[in-house]
Structures are given as C-alpha cells and as structure tokens.
PDB file of N, CA and C in Angstrom:
ATOM      1  N   MET A   1     -49.447  59.905-144.579  1.00  0.00           N
ATOM      2  CA  MET A   1     -48.846  59.330-145.703  1.00  0.00           C
ATOM      3  C   MET A   1     -47.666  58.863-145.226  1.00  0.00           C
ATOM      4  N   ALA A   2     -46.974  57.893-145.033  1.00  0.00           N
ATOM      5  CA  ALA A   2     -45.460  57.026-144.807  1.00  0.00           C
ATOM      6  C   ALA A   2     -45.142  56.837-145.984  1.00  0.00           C
ATOM      7  N   ASP A   3     -43.851  57.312-145.908  1.00  0.00           N
ATOM      8  CA  ASP A   3     -42.570  56.868-146.792  1.00  0.00           C
ATOM      9  C   ASP A   3     -41.347  56.239-145.941  1.00  0.00           C
ATOM     10  N   ARG A   4     -40.652  55.427-147.486  1.00  0.00           N
ATOM     11  CA  ARG A   4     -39.696  54.657-146.881  1.00  0.00           C
ATOM     12  C   ARG A   4     -38.612  54.764-148.286  1.00  0.00           C
ATOM     13  N   GLU A   5     -37.188  54.571-147.455  1.00  0.00           N
ATOM     14  CA  GLU A   5     -36.151  55.476-148.524  1.00  0.00           C
ATOM     15  C   GLU A   5     -35.811  54.140-148.759  1.00  0.00           C
ATOM     16  N   PRO A   6     -35.192  54.573-150.117  1.00  0.00           N
ATOM     17  CA  PRO A   6     -35.002  53.455-151.019  1.00  0.00           C
ATOM     18  C   PRO A   6     -33.785  52.026-150.147  1.00  0.00           C
ATOM     19  N   VAL A   7     -34.078  51.296-150.804  1.00  0.00           N
ATOM     20  CA  VAL A   7     -33.876  49.748-150.147  1.00  0.00           C
ATOM     21  C   VAL A   7     -33.116  48.799-150.764  1.00  0.00           C
ATOM     22  N   GLY A   8     -31.955  48.278-150.503  1.00  0.00           N
ATOM     23  CA  GLY A   8     -30.859  47.524-151.400  1.00  0.00           C
ATOM     24  C   GLY A   8     -30.489  48.541-152.816  1.00  0.00           C
ATOM     25  N   ALA A   9     -30.007  47.666-153.712  1.00  0.00           N
ATOM     26  CA  ALA A   9     -29.461  47.942-155.096  1.00  0.00           C
ATOM     27  C   ALA A   9     -30.295  47.973-155.930  1.00  0.00           C
ATOM     28  N   VAL A  10     -30.306  47.929-157.058  1.00  0.00           N
ATOM     29  CA  VAL A  10     -31.232  47.899-158.582  1.00  0.00           C
ATOM     30  C   VAL A  10     -31.979  46.551-158.524  1.00  0.00           C
ATOM     31  N   GLY A  11     -33.312  47.169-158.864  1.00  0.00           N
ATOM     32  CA  GLY A  11     -34.302  46.001-158.794  1.00  0.00           C
ATOM     33  C   GLY A  11     -34.623  45.840-157.428  1.00  0.00           C
ATOM     34  N   ALA A  12     -34.371  46.763-156.198  1.00  0.00           N
ATOM     35  CA  ALA A  12     -35.245  47.093-155.408  1.00  0.00           C
ATOM     36  C   ALA A  12     -36.422  47.945-154.962  1.00  0.00           C
ATOM     37  N   VAL A  13     -37.109  47.881-153.974  1.00  0.00           N
ATOM     38  CA  VAL A  13     -38.436  48.414-153.825  1.00  0.00           C
ATOM     39  C   VAL A  13     -37.800  50.167-153.916  1.00  0.00           C
ATOM     40  N   VAL A  14     -37.909  51.257-154.616  1.00  0.00           N
ATOM     41  CA  VAL A  14     -37.422  52.119-154.372  1.00  0.00           C
ATOM     42  C   VAL A  14     -37.990  53.116-153.293  1.00  0.00           C
ATOM     43  N   ALA A  15     -39.319  53.027-153.589  1.00  0.00           N
ATOM     44  CA  ALA A  15     -40.365  53.698-152.544  1.00  0.00           C
ATOM     45  C   ALA A  15     -41.502  52.849-152.218  1.00  0.00           C
ATOM     46  N   GLU A  16     -42.233  53.665-151.003  1.00  0.00           N
ATOM     47  CA  GLU A  16     -43.193  53.024-150.463  1.00  0.00           C
ATOM     48  C   GLU A  16     -43.834  54.281-149.855  1.00  0.00           C
ATOM     49  N   THR A  17     -45.353  54.359-150.050  1.00  0.00           N
ATOM     50  CA  THR A  17     -46.257  55.383-149.658  1.00  0.00           C
ATOM     51  C   THR A  17     -47.483  55.174-149.359  1.00  0.00           C
ATOM     52  N   THR A  18     -47.883  55.561-148.524  1.00  0.00           N
ATOM     53  CA  THR A  18     -49.522  54.928-148.190  1.00  0.00           C
ATOM     54  C   THR A  18     -50.306  56.627-147.811  1.00  0.00           C
ATOM     55  N   ASP A  19     -51.321  56.816-149.146  1.00  0.00           N
ATOM     56  CA  ASP A  19     -52.023  57.434-148.814  1.00  0.00           C
ATOM     57  C   ASP A  19     -53.519  57.341-148.847  1.00  0.00           C
ATOM     58  N   ARG A  20     -54.130  57.774-147.865  1.00  0.00           N
ATOM     59  CA  ARG A  20     -55.786  57.173-147.586  1.00  0.00           C
ATOM     60  C   ARG A  20     -55.943  55.695-147.901  1.00  0.00           C
ATOM     61  N   GLY A  21     -54.951  54.794-147.255  1.00  0.00           N
ATOM     62  CA  GLY A  21     -55.003  53.791-147.745  1.00  0.00           C
ATOM     63  C   GLY A  21     -54.504  53.005-148.935  1.00  0.00           C
ATOM     64  N   ILE A  22     -54.200  53.523-149.772  1.00  0.00           N
ATOM     65  CA  ILE A  22     -53.368  53.142-150.709  1.00  0.00           C
ATOM     66  C   ILE A  22     -52.222  53.123-150.843  1.00  0.00           C
ATOM     67  N   ARG A  23     -51.900  52.215-150.844  1.00  0.00           N
ATOM     68  CA  ARG A  23     -50.221  51.831-150.850  1.00  0.00           C
ATOM     69  C   ARG A  23     -50.130  51.396-152.113  1.00  0.00           C
ATOM     70  N   VAL A  24     -49.151  52.467-152.494  1.00  0.00           N
ATOM     71  CA  VAL A  24     -47.922  52.811-153.599  1.00  0.00           C
ATOM     72  C   VAL A  24     -46.139  52.169-153.483  1.00  0.00           C
ATOM     73  N   LEU A  25     -46.597  50.488-154.302  1.00  0.00           N
ATOM     74  CA  LEU A  25     -44.816  50.765-154.389  1.00  0.00           C
ATOM     75  C   LEU A  25     -44.016  50.957-155.308  1.00  0.00           C
ATOM     76  N   THR A  26     -43.119  51.370-155.242  1.00  0.00           N
ATOM     77  CA  THR A  26     -42.515  51.637-156.612  1.00  0.00           C
ATOM     78  C   THR A  26     -41.060  50.881-156.661  1.00  0.00           C
ATOM     79  N   ILE A  27     -41.002  50.099-157.817  1.00  0.00           N
ATOM     80  CA  ILE A  27     -39.830  49.058-158.323  1.00  0.00           C
ATOM     81  C   ILE A  27     -38.957  49.373-159.177  1.00  0.00           C
ATOM     82  N   ARG A  28     -37.783  49.414-159.310  1.00  0.00           N
ATOM     83  CA  ARG A  28     -37.139  49.620-160.304  1.00  0.00           C
ATOM     84  C   ARG A  28     -35.942  48.358-160.476  1.00  0.00           C
ATOM     85  N   GLY A  29     -35.549  48.561-161.869  1.00  0.00           N
ATOM     86  CA  GLY A  29     -34.821  47.961-161.846  1.00  0.00           C
ATOM     87  C   GLY A  29     -35.058  46.093-162.258  1.00  0.00           C
ATOM     88  N   THR A  30     -34.012  45.158-162.188  1.00  0.00           N
ATOM     89  CA  THR A  30     -35.081  43.944-162.619  1.00  0.00           C
ATOM     90  C   THR A  30     -35.794  43.409-161.316  1.00  0.00           C
ATOM     91  N   LEU A  31     -36.386  42.861-161.363  1.00  0.00           N
ATOM     92  CA  LEU A  31     -37.241  42.183-160.140  1.00  0.00           C
ATOM     93  C   LEU A  31     -36.999  40.470-160.845  1.00  0.00           C
ATOM     94  N   ASP A  32     -36.632  40.014-159.764  1.00  0.00           N
ATOM     95  CA  ASP A  32     -35.963  38.482-160.216  1.00  0.00           C
ATOM     96  C   ASP A  32     -36.122  38.086-158.333  1.00  0.00           C
ATOM     97  N   LEU A  33     -35.396  36.840-158.522  1.00  0.00           N
ATOM     98  CA  LEU A  33     -35.483  35.808-157.261  1.00  0.00           C
ATOM     99  C   LEU A  33     -34.402  36.759-156.426  1.00  0.00           C
ATOM    100  N   THR A  34     -33.067  37.498-156.413  1.00  0.00           N
ATOM    101  CA  THR A  34     -32.213  38.302-155.926  1.00  0.00           C
ATOM    102  C   THR A  34     -33.256  39.370-155.067  1.00  0.00           C
ATOM    103  N   SER A  35     -34.205  40.257-156.203  1.00  0.00           N
ATOM    104  CA  SER A  35     -34.604  41.791-155.668  1.00  0.00           C
ATOM    105  C   SER A  35     -35.542  41.566-155.429  1.00  0.00           C
ATOM    106  N   SER A  36     -36.667  40.241-155.615  1.00  0.00           N
ATOM    107  CA  SER A  36     -37.705  40.174-155.044  1.00  0.00           C
ATOM    108  C   SER A  36     -37.772  39.921-153.653  1.00  0.00           C
ATOM    109  N   ILE A  37     -36.933  39.737-152.751  1.00  0.00           N
ATOM    110  CA  ILE A  37     -36.895  39.414-151.076  1.00  0.00           C
ATOM    111  C   ILE A  37     -37.244  40.884-150.586  1.00  0.00           C
ATOM    112  N   HIS A  38     -36.894  42.005-151.567  1.00  0.00           N
ATOM    113  CA  HIS A  38     -37.001  43.087-150.700  1.00  0.00           C
ATOM    114  C   HIS A  38     -38.406  43.637-151.035  1.00  0.00           C
ATOM    115  N   LEU A  39     -39.402  42.946-151.355  1.00  0.00           N
ATOM    116  CA  LEU A  39     -40.681  43.214-151.644  1.00  0.00           C
ATOM    117  C   LEU A  39     -41.434  42.964-149.753  1.00  0.00           C
ATOM    118  N   SER A  40     -41.837  44.043-149.071  1.00  0.00           N
ATOM    119  CA  SER A  40     -41.881  43.445-147.751  1.00  0.00           C
ATOM    120  C   SER A  40     -43.381  43.164-148.075  1.00  0.00           C
ATOM    121  N   PRO A  41     -43.443  43.242-146.911  1.00  0.00           N
ATOM    122  CA  PRO A  41     -45.187  42.392-146.504  1.00  0.00           C
ATOM    123  C   PRO A  41     -45.758  43.958-146.830  1.00  0.00           C
ATOM    124  N   VAL A  42     -47.298  43.484-147.029  1.00  0.00           N
ATOM    125  CA  VAL A  42     -47.963  44.756-146.894  1.00  0.00           C
ATOM    126  C   VAL A  42     -49.100  44.884-146.270  1.00  0.00           C
ATOM    127  N   ASP A  43     -49.471  45.728-145.223  1.00  0.00           N
ATOM    128  CA  ASP A  43     -50.423  45.990-144.183  1.00  0.00           C
ATOM    129  C   ASP A  43     -51.480  45.293-144.628  1.00  0.00           C
ATOM    130  N   ALA A  44     -52.009  44.689-143.837  1.00  0.00           N
ATOM    131  CA  ALA A  44     -53.154  43.980-143.999  1.00  0.00           C
ATOM    132  C   ALA A  44     -54.579  45.374-143.661  1.00  0.00           C
ATOM    133  N   SER A  45     -54.298  46.314-143.843  1.00  0.00           N
ATOM    134  CA  SER A  45     -55.637  47.277-143.495  1.00  0.00           C
ATOM    135  C   SER A  45     -54.922  48.442-144.646  1.00  0.00           C
ATOM    136  N   VAL A  46     -54.787  48.198-145.519  1.00  0.00           N
ATOM    137  CA  VAL A  46     -54.719  48.552-146.823  1.00  0.00           C
ATOM    138  C   VAL A  46     -55.979  48.905-147.676  1.00  0.00           C
ATOM    139  N   ARG A  47     -56.492  49.833-148.505  1.00  0.00           N
ATOM    140  CA  ARG A  47     -57.502  49.755-149.330  1.00  0.00           C
ATOM    141  C   ARG A  47     -57.410  49.284-150.534  1.00  0.00           C
ATOM    142  N   ALA A  48     -56.001  49.812-150.852  1.00  0.00           N
ATOM    143  CA  ALA A  48     -55.519  48.734-152.224  1.00  0.00           C
ATOM    144  C   ALA A  48     -54.120  48.916-152.256  1.00  0.00           C
ATOM    145  N   VAL A  49     -53.514  48.332-153.608  1.00  0.00           N
ATOM    146  CA  VAL A  49     -52.142  48.307-153.432  1.00  0.00           C
ATOM    147  C   VAL A  49     -51.993  48.879-154.955  1.00  0.00           C
ATOM    148  N   LEU A  50     -51.195  49.956-155.192  1.00  0.00           N
ATOM    149  CA  LEU A  50     -50.891  50.014-156.667  1.00  0.00           C
ATOM    150  C   LEU A  50     -49.159  49.748-156.749  1.00  0.00           C
ATOM    151  N   LEU A  51     -48.520  48.699-157.875  1.00  0.00           N
ATOM    152  CA  LEU A  51     -47.406  48.627-158.336  1.00  0.00           C
ATOM    153  C   LEU A  51     -46.656  49.356-159.312  1.00  0.00           C
ATOM    154  N   ASP A  52     -45.764  50.087-158.701  1.00  0.00           N
ATOM    155  CA  ASP A  52     -45.510  50.919-159.926  1.00  0.00           C
ATOM    156  C   ASP A  52     -44.259  50.474-160.428  1.00  0.00           C
ATOM    157  N   LEU A  53     -44.349  49.951-161.851  1.00  0.00           N
ATOM    158  CA  LEU A  53     -43.215  48.722-162.266  1.00  0.00           C
ATOM    159  C   LEU A  53     -42.869  49.490-163.493  1.00  0.00           C
ATOM    160  N   THR A  54     -43.375  51.028-163.812  1.00  0.00           N
ATOM    161  CA  THR A  54     -42.510  51.458-164.669  1.00  0.00           C
ATOM    162  C   THR A  54     -41.181  51.571-164.956  1.00  0.00           C
ATOM    163  N   GLY A  55     -40.517  51.398-164.139  1.00  0.00           N
ATOM    164  CA  GLY A  55     -39.060  51.549-163.834  1.00  0.00           C
ATOM    165  C   GLY A  55     -38.263  49.715-163.824  1.00  0.00           C
ATOM    166  N   VAL A  56     -39.198  48.979-164.398  1.00  0.00           N
ATOM    167  CA  VAL A  56     -38.652  47.660-164.546  1.00  0.00           C
ATOM    168  C   VAL A  56     -38.249  47.366-165.486  1.00  0.00           C
ATOM    169  N   ASP A  57     -36.960  46.510-165.652  1.00  0.00           N
ATOM    170  CA  ASP A  57     -36.634  46.734-167.307  1.00  0.00           C
ATOM    171  C   ASP A  57     -36.409  44.920-167.025  1.00  0.00           C
ATOM    172  N   PHE A  58     -36.800  44.336-166.178  1.00  0.00           N
ATOM    173  CA  PHE A  58     -36.476  42.579-166.589  1.00  0.00           C
ATOM    174  C   PHE A  58     -37.147  42.169-165.676  1.00  0.00           C
ATOM    175  N   LEU A  59     -38.125  41.097-165.880  1.00  0.00           N
ATOM    176  CA  LEU A  59     -39.223  40.636-164.559  1.00  0.00           C
ATOM    177  C   LEU A  59     -39.061  39.265-165.242  1.00  0.00           C
ATOM    178  N   SER A  60     -39.008  38.663-164.018  1.00  0.00           N
ATOM    179  CA  SER A  60     -38.461  36.925-163.942  1.00  0.00           C
ATOM    180  C   SER A  60     -39.794  36.385-163.649  1.00  0.00           C
ATOM    181  N   SER A  61     -39.376  34.821-164.035  1.00  0.00           N
ATOM    182  CA  SER A  61     -40.644  34.031-162.888  1.00  0.00           C
ATOM    183  C   SER A  61     -40.719  34.236-161.453  1.00  0.00           C
ATOM    184  N   ALA A  62     -39.446  34.383-160.865  1.00  0.00           N
ATOM    185  CA  ALA A  62     -39.704  34.595-159.573  1.00  0.00           C
ATOM    186  C   ALA A  62     -40.111  36.057-159.336  1.00  0.00           C
ATOM    187  N   GLY A  63     -39.661  37.027-159.895  1.00  0.00           N
ATOM    188  CA  GLY A  63     -40.231  38.271-160.339  1.00  0.00           C
ATOM    189  C   GLY A  63     -41.914  38.052-159.960  1.00  0.00           C
ATOM    190  N   ILE A  64     -42.492  37.406-160.909  1.00  0.00           N
ATOM    191  CA  ILE A  64     -43.911  37.438-161.170  1.00  0.00           C
ATOM    192  C   ILE A  64     -44.429  36.751-159.682  1.00  0.00           C
ATOM    193  N   ALA A  65     -43.698  35.290-158.779  1.00  0.00           N
ATOM    194  CA  ALA A  65     -43.962  34.889-158.418  1.00  0.00           C
ATOM    195  C   ALA A  65     -44.479  35.851-156.912  1.00  0.00           C
ATOM    196  N   ALA A  66     -43.516  36.741-157.053  1.00  0.00           N
ATOM    197  CA  ALA A  66     -43.298  37.501-155.511  1.00  0.00           C
ATOM    198  C   ALA A  66     -44.620  38.527-155.757  1.00  0.00           C
ATOM    199  N   LEU A  67     -44.508  38.816-156.976  1.00  0.00           N
ATOM    200  CA  LEU A  67     -45.866  39.897-157.125  1.00  0.00           C
ATOM    201  C   LEU A  67     -47.387  39.195-156.719  1.00  0.00           C
ATOM    202  N   ILE A  68     -47.159  37.453-156.709  1.00  0.00           N
ATOM    203  CA  ILE A  68     -48.659  36.596-156.491  1.00  0.00           C
ATOM    204  C   ILE A  68     -48.952  36.936-155.102  1.00  0.00           C
ATOM    205  N   ARG A  69     -47.323  36.775-154.467  1.00  0.00           N
ATOM    206  CA  ARG A  69     -47.281  36.822-153.318  1.00  0.00           C
ATOM    207  C   ARG A  69     -47.813  38.425-152.563  1.00  0.00           C
ATOM    208  N   VAL A  70     -47.334  39.153-152.779  1.00  0.00           N
ATOM    209  CA  VAL A  70     -48.507  41.089-152.672  1.00  0.00           C
ATOM    210  C   VAL A  70     -49.576  40.737-152.567  1.00  0.00           C
ATOM    211  N   ARG A  71     -50.060  40.001-153.928  1.00  0.00           N
ATOM    212  CA  ARG A  71     -51.592  39.963-154.032  1.00  0.00           C
ATOM    213  C   ARG A  71     -52.228  39.346-153.042  1.00  0.00           C
ATOM    214  N   ASN A  72     -51.383  38.114-152.495  1.00  0.00           N
ATOM    215  CA  ASN A  72     -52.309  37.241-151.718  1.00  0.00           C
ATOM    216  C   ASN A  72     -52.163  37.880-150.517  1.00  0.00           C
ATOM    217  N   GLU A  73     -50.833  39.026-150.029  1.00  0.00           N
ATOM    218  CA  GLU A  73     -50.963  39.267-148.666  1.00  0.00           C
ATOM    219  C   GLU A  73     -52.190  40.330-148.458  1.00  0.00           C
ATOM    220  N   VAL A  74     -52.864  40.866-149.527  1.00  0.00           N
ATOM    221  CA  VAL A  74     -53.471  42.194-149.447  1.00  0.00           C
ATOM    222  C   VAL A  74     -54.921  41.681-149.200  1.00  0.00           C
ATOM    223  N   PRO A  75     -55.784  41.720-148.384  1.00  0.00           N
ATOM    224  CA  PRO A  75     -57.038  41.516-147.736  1.00  0.00           C
ATOM    225  C   PRO A  75     -58.112  41.351-149.721  1.00  0.00           C
ATOM    226  N   PRO A  76     -59.058  40.015-149.808  1.00  0.00           N
ATOM    227  CA  PRO A  76     -59.178  39.517-151.011  1.00  0.00           C
ATOM    228  C   PRO A  76     -60.333  40.856-151.426  1.00  0.00           C
ATOM    229  N   ARG A  77     -60.549  41.506-150.415  1.00  0.00           N
ATOM    230  CA  ARG A  77     -61.837  42.919-150.986  1.00  0.00           C
ATOM    231  C   ARG A  77     -60.783  44.511-151.298  1.00  0.00           C
ATOM    232  N   ALA A  78     -59.403  44.061-150.967  1.00  0.00           N
ATOM    233  CA  ALA A  78     -58.490  45.411-152.085  1.00  0.00           C
ATOM    234  C   ALA A  78     -58.150  44.933-153.047  1.00  0.00           C
ATOM    235  N   PRO A  79     -58.421  45.625-153.708  1.00  0.00           N
ATOM    236  CA  PRO A  79     -57.235  45.854-155.624  1.00  0.00           C
ATOM    237  C   PRO A  79     -55.926  45.809-155.036  1.00  0.00           C
ATOM    238  N   VAL A  80     -55.349  44.867-156.535  1.00  0.00           N
ATOM    239  CA  VAL A  80     -54.256  45.562-156.354  1.00  0.00           C
ATOM    240  C   VAL A  80     -53.979  45.429-158.269  1.00  0.00           C
ATOM    241  N   VAL A  81     -53.275  46.619-158.558  1.00  0.00           N
ATOM    242  CA  VAL A  81     -53.174  46.993-159.490  1.00  0.00           C
ATOM    243  C   VAL A  81     -51.586  47.210-160.258  1.00  0.00           C
ATOM    244  N   ALA A  82     -51.172  47.040-161.045  1.00  0.00           N
ATOM    245  CA  ALA A  82     -49.956  47.033-161.470  1.00  0.00           C
ATOM    246  C   ALA A  82     -49.454  48.151-162.563  1.00  0.00           C
ATOM    247  N   ILE A  83     -49.218  49.207-162.714  1.00  0.00           N
ATOM    248  CA  ILE A  83     -48.217  50.113-163.414  1.00  0.00           C
ATOM    249  C   ILE A  83     -47.353  49.906-164.323  1.00  0.00           C
ATOM    250  N   ALA A  84     -47.780  49.463-166.045  1.00  0.00           N
ATOM    251  CA  ALA A  84     -46.691  49.759-166.412  1.00  0.00           C
ATOM    252  C   ALA A  84     -46.862  49.582-168.139  1.00  0.00           C
ATOM    253  N   ASP A  85     -46.187  50.138-168.587  1.00  0.00           N
ATOM    254  CA  ASP A  85     -46.351  50.953-170.104  1.00  0.00           C
ATOM    255  C   ASP A  85     -45.147  50.575-171.516  1.00  0.00           C
ATOM    256  N   HIS A  86     -44.966  49.027-170.806  1.00  0.00           N
ATOM    257  CA  HIS A  86     -43.676  48.623-171.585  1.00  0.00           C
ATOM    258  C   HIS A  86     -43.436  47.152-171.929  1.00  0.00           C
ATOM    259  N   GLN A  87     -42.991  46.397-172.594  1.00  0.00           N
ATOM    260  CA  GLN A  87     -43.359  45.063-172.688  1.00  0.00           C
ATOM    261  C   GLN A  87     -42.477  44.565-172.132  1.00  0.00           C
ATOM    262  N   GLU A  88     -41.709  44.766-171.253  1.00  0.00           N
ATOM    263  CA  GLU A  88     -40.840  43.777-170.399  1.00  0.00           C
ATOM    264  C   GLU A  88     -41.620  43.887-169.299  1.00  0.00           C
ATOM    265  N   VAL A  89     -42.509  44.521-169.098  1.00  0.00           N
ATOM    266  CA  VAL A  89     -43.076  43.661-168.018  1.00  0.00           C
ATOM    267  C   VAL A  89     -44.694  43.504-168.345  1.00  0.00           C
ATOM    268  N   VAL A  90     -45.831  43.849-169.290  1.00  0.00           N
ATOM    269  CA  VAL A  90     -46.613  43.693-169.760  1.00  0.00           C
ATOM    270  C   VAL A  90     -46.649  42.573-170.472  1.00  0.00           C
ATOM    271  N   ARG A  91     -45.747  42.189-171.390  1.00  0.00           N
ATOM    272  CA  ARG A  91     -45.544  41.024-171.877  1.00  0.00           C
ATOM    273  C   ARG A  91     -45.604  39.604-171.053  1.00  0.00           C
ATOM    274  N   PRO A  92     -44.689  39.361-170.093  1.00  0.00           N
ATOM    275  CA  PRO A  92     -44.276  38.577-168.789  1.00  0.00           C
ATOM    276  C   PRO A  92     -46.487  38.181-167.757  1.00  0.00           C
ATOM    277  N   PHE A  93     -46.933  39.326-168.025  1.00  0.00           N
ATOM    278  CA  PHE A  93     -48.280  39.678-167.399  1.00  0.00           C
ATOM    279  C   PHE A  93     -48.931  38.865-167.885  1.00  0.00           C
ATOM    280  N   GLU A  94     -48.970  39.178-169.611  1.00  0.00           N
ATOM    281  CA  GLU A  94     -49.817  38.638-170.603  1.00  0.00           C
ATOM    282  C   GLU A  94     -49.588  37.057-170.564  1.00  0.00           C
ATOM    283  N   LEU A  95     -48.170  36.574-170.673  1.00  0.00           N
ATOM    284  CA  LEU A  95     -48.341  35.090-171.011  1.00  0.00           C
ATOM    285  C   LEU A  95     -48.641  34.443-169.597  1.00  0.00           C
ATOM    286  N   SER A  96     -47.966  35.104-168.384  1.00  0.00           N
ATOM    287  CA  SER A  96     -48.239  34.047-167.509  1.00  0.00           C
ATOM    288  C   SER A  96     -50.005  34.316-166.780  1.00  0.00           C
ATOM    289  N   GLY A  97     -50.660  35.082-167.158  1.00  0.00           N
ATOM    290  CA  GLY A  97     -52.103  35.103-166.928  1.00  0.00           C
ATOM    291  C   GLY A  97     -52.077  35.699-165.672  1.00  0.00           C
ATOM    292  N   LEU A  98     -50.957  36.609-165.668  1.00  0.00           N
ATOM    293  CA  LEU A  98     -51.135  37.452-163.995  1.00  0.00           C
ATOM    294  C   LEU A  98     -51.960  38.709-164.497  1.00  0.00           C
ATOM    295  N   ASP A  99     -52.194  38.711-165.624  1.00  0.00           N
ATOM    296  CA  ASP A  99     -52.918  40.146-165.595  1.00  0.00           C
ATOM    297  C   ASP A  99     -54.552  39.706-164.900  1.00  0.00           C
ATOM    298  N   ARG A 100     -54.311  38.628-165.190  1.00  0.00           N
ATOM    299  CA  ARG A 100     -56.180  38.608-164.895  1.00  0.00           C
ATOM    300  C   ARG A 100     -56.351  38.446-163.219  1.00  0.00           C
ATOM    301  N   LEU A 101     -54.602  38.482-162.650  1.00  0.00           N
ATOM    302  CA  LEU A 101     -54.996  38.171-160.987  1.00  0.00           C
ATOM    303  C   LEU A 101     -54.603  40.092-160.762  1.00  0.00           C
ATOM    304  N   ILE A 102     -53.820  41.047-161.467  1.00  0.00           N
ATOM    305  CA  ILE A 102     -53.472  41.721-160.792  1.00  0.00           C
ATOM    306  C   ILE A 102     -53.572  42.818-162.549  1.00  0.00           C
ATOM    307  N   PRO A 103     -54.685  43.177-162.741  1.00  0.00           N
ATOM    308  CA  PRO A 103     -54.635  44.148-163.812  1.00  0.00           C
ATOM    309  C   PRO A 103     -53.876  45.243-164.107  1.00  0.00           C
ATOM    310  N   VAL A 104     -53.085  45.246-164.933  1.00  0.00           N
ATOM    311  CA  VAL A 104     -51.786  46.308-165.396  1.00  0.00           C
ATOM    312  C   VAL A 104     -52.831  47.817-166.238  1.00  0.00           C
ATOM    313  N   VAL A 105     -52.557  48.825-165.425  1.00  0.00           N
ATOM    314  CA  VAL A 105     -53.315  49.727-166.473  1.00  0.00           C
ATOM    315  C   VAL A 105     -51.396  50.786-166.859  1.00  0.00           C
ATOM    316  N   PRO A 106     -51.416  51.787-167.694  1.00  0.00           N
ATOM    317  CA  PRO A 106     -50.567  52.643-168.491  1.00  0.00           C
ATOM    318  C   PRO A 106     -49.629  53.517-167.667  1.00  0.00           C
ATOM    319  N   ASP A 107     -50.379  54.279-166.600  1.00  0.00           N
ATOM    320  CA  ASP A 107     -49.676  55.225-166.198  1.00  0.00           C
ATOM    321  C   ASP A 107     -50.506  54.980-163.831  1.00  0.00           C
ATOM    322  N   LEU A 108     -49.984  56.025-163.029  1.00  0.00           N
ATOM    323  CA  LEU A 108     -50.371  55.705-161.791  1.00  0.00           C
ATOM    324  C   LEU A 108     -51.887  56.684-161.981  1.00  0.00           C
ATOM    325  N   GLU A 109     -52.072  57.613-162.796  1.00  0.00           N
ATOM    326  CA  GLU A 109     -53.489  58.390-162.675  1.00  0.00           C
ATOM    327  C   GLU A 109     -54.060  57.523-162.888  1.00  0.00           C
ATOM    328  N   ALA A 110     -54.858  55.963-163.981  1.00  0.00           N
ATOM    329  CA  ALA A 110     -55.377  55.276-164.546  1.00  0.00           C
ATOM    330  C   ALA A 110     -55.474  54.402-163.217  1.00  0.00           C
ATOM    331  N   GLY A 111     -54.129  54.083-162.673  1.00  0.00           N
ATOM    332  CA  GLY A 111     -54.135  52.991-161.570  1.00  0.00           C
ATOM    333  C   GLY A 111     -55.040  53.845-160.053  1.00  0.00           C
ATOM    334  N   ARG A 112     -54.735  54.972-159.700  1.00  0.00           N
ATOM    335  CA  ARG A 112     -55.769  55.456-158.714  1.00  0.00           C
ATOM    336  C   ARG A 112     -56.955  55.421-158.972  1.00  0.00           C
ATOM    337  N   ARG A 113     -57.394  55.723-160.497  1.00  0.00           N
ATOM    338  CA  ARG A 113     -59.001  55.992-161.115  1.00  0.00           C
ATOM    339  C   ARG A 113     -59.300  54.414-160.633  1.00  0.00           C
ATOM    340  N   ARG A 114     -58.255  53.229-161.127  1.00  0.00           N
ATOM    341  CA  ARG A 114     -58.986  52.052-161.100  1.00  0.00           C
ATOM    342  C   ARG A 114     -59.458  51.482-159.792  1.00  0.00           C
ATOM    343  N   VAL A 115     -58.804  51.890-158.474  1.00  0.00           N
ATOM    344  CA  VAL A 115     -58.629  51.586-157.115  1.00  0.00           C
ATOM    345  C   VAL A 115     -59.244  52.311-156.418  1.00  0.00           C
ATOM    346  N   GLU A 116     -59.694  53.628-157.043  1.00  0.00           N
ATOM    347  CA  GLU A 116     -60.521  54.534-155.922  1.00  0.00           C
ATOM    348  C   GLU A 116     -62.229  54.358-156.241  1.00  0.00           C
TER     349      GLU A 116
END
C-alpha cells in the first residue's frame, strides 16, 4: 500500500492510498478551481478509484470538471465511485448529472463493495 502525505492547504487531497489496486483519494475542504489542481493524475494500472468526498464542504463547477478529469484518466474498465453523505456534494453530482458517470455511495464500505 502506498500513502501520500497531505498536499497544500484546505481543499486539497489530504491522503492517497492504494490497496490491492484500489486507489482511494481523500479530499477535504473546498473543491474548486484553486484546489482541484492538487488532484494528481491517477496511475492507469489501478483497477478502481474511490473518491472520499465526505470532508468536502463545497463543490464548484471546476471541482466537478476535475472529478471528470480523474474519471477520464482511469481506464474505462476501472470503476470510479464517489463517497459522500451530505448535500454539499451529493446535490451538485445530481444536478450536473455527474452521478451517472461517477456513482455516489454514503460510505467507504459501500464504495469498496461497489468496486470489488
């Protein structure tokens, strides 16, 4: 398993882990134009990506675009699932239609079940 220390300030990827080919990106704070640059490219060898957005308190259109970029970096065969349990993230996913591209589940356990 590989881990990465916190990057940048509020609204950054605060952790990246890979376990058995499943990459978990944990993001906290505001995900907008400024903070979305901290989303590093995802290795094409991963078999799934979980986006832990439970600590995100605001998701802008630039943040949505960054999540679409992550989805596009991952091989089509590899699922990408978002973890969010609050309206500050779930609502923008629904309004933008992003939930059809990246499904949203309420917790990490449900996310792991969805990709395994």
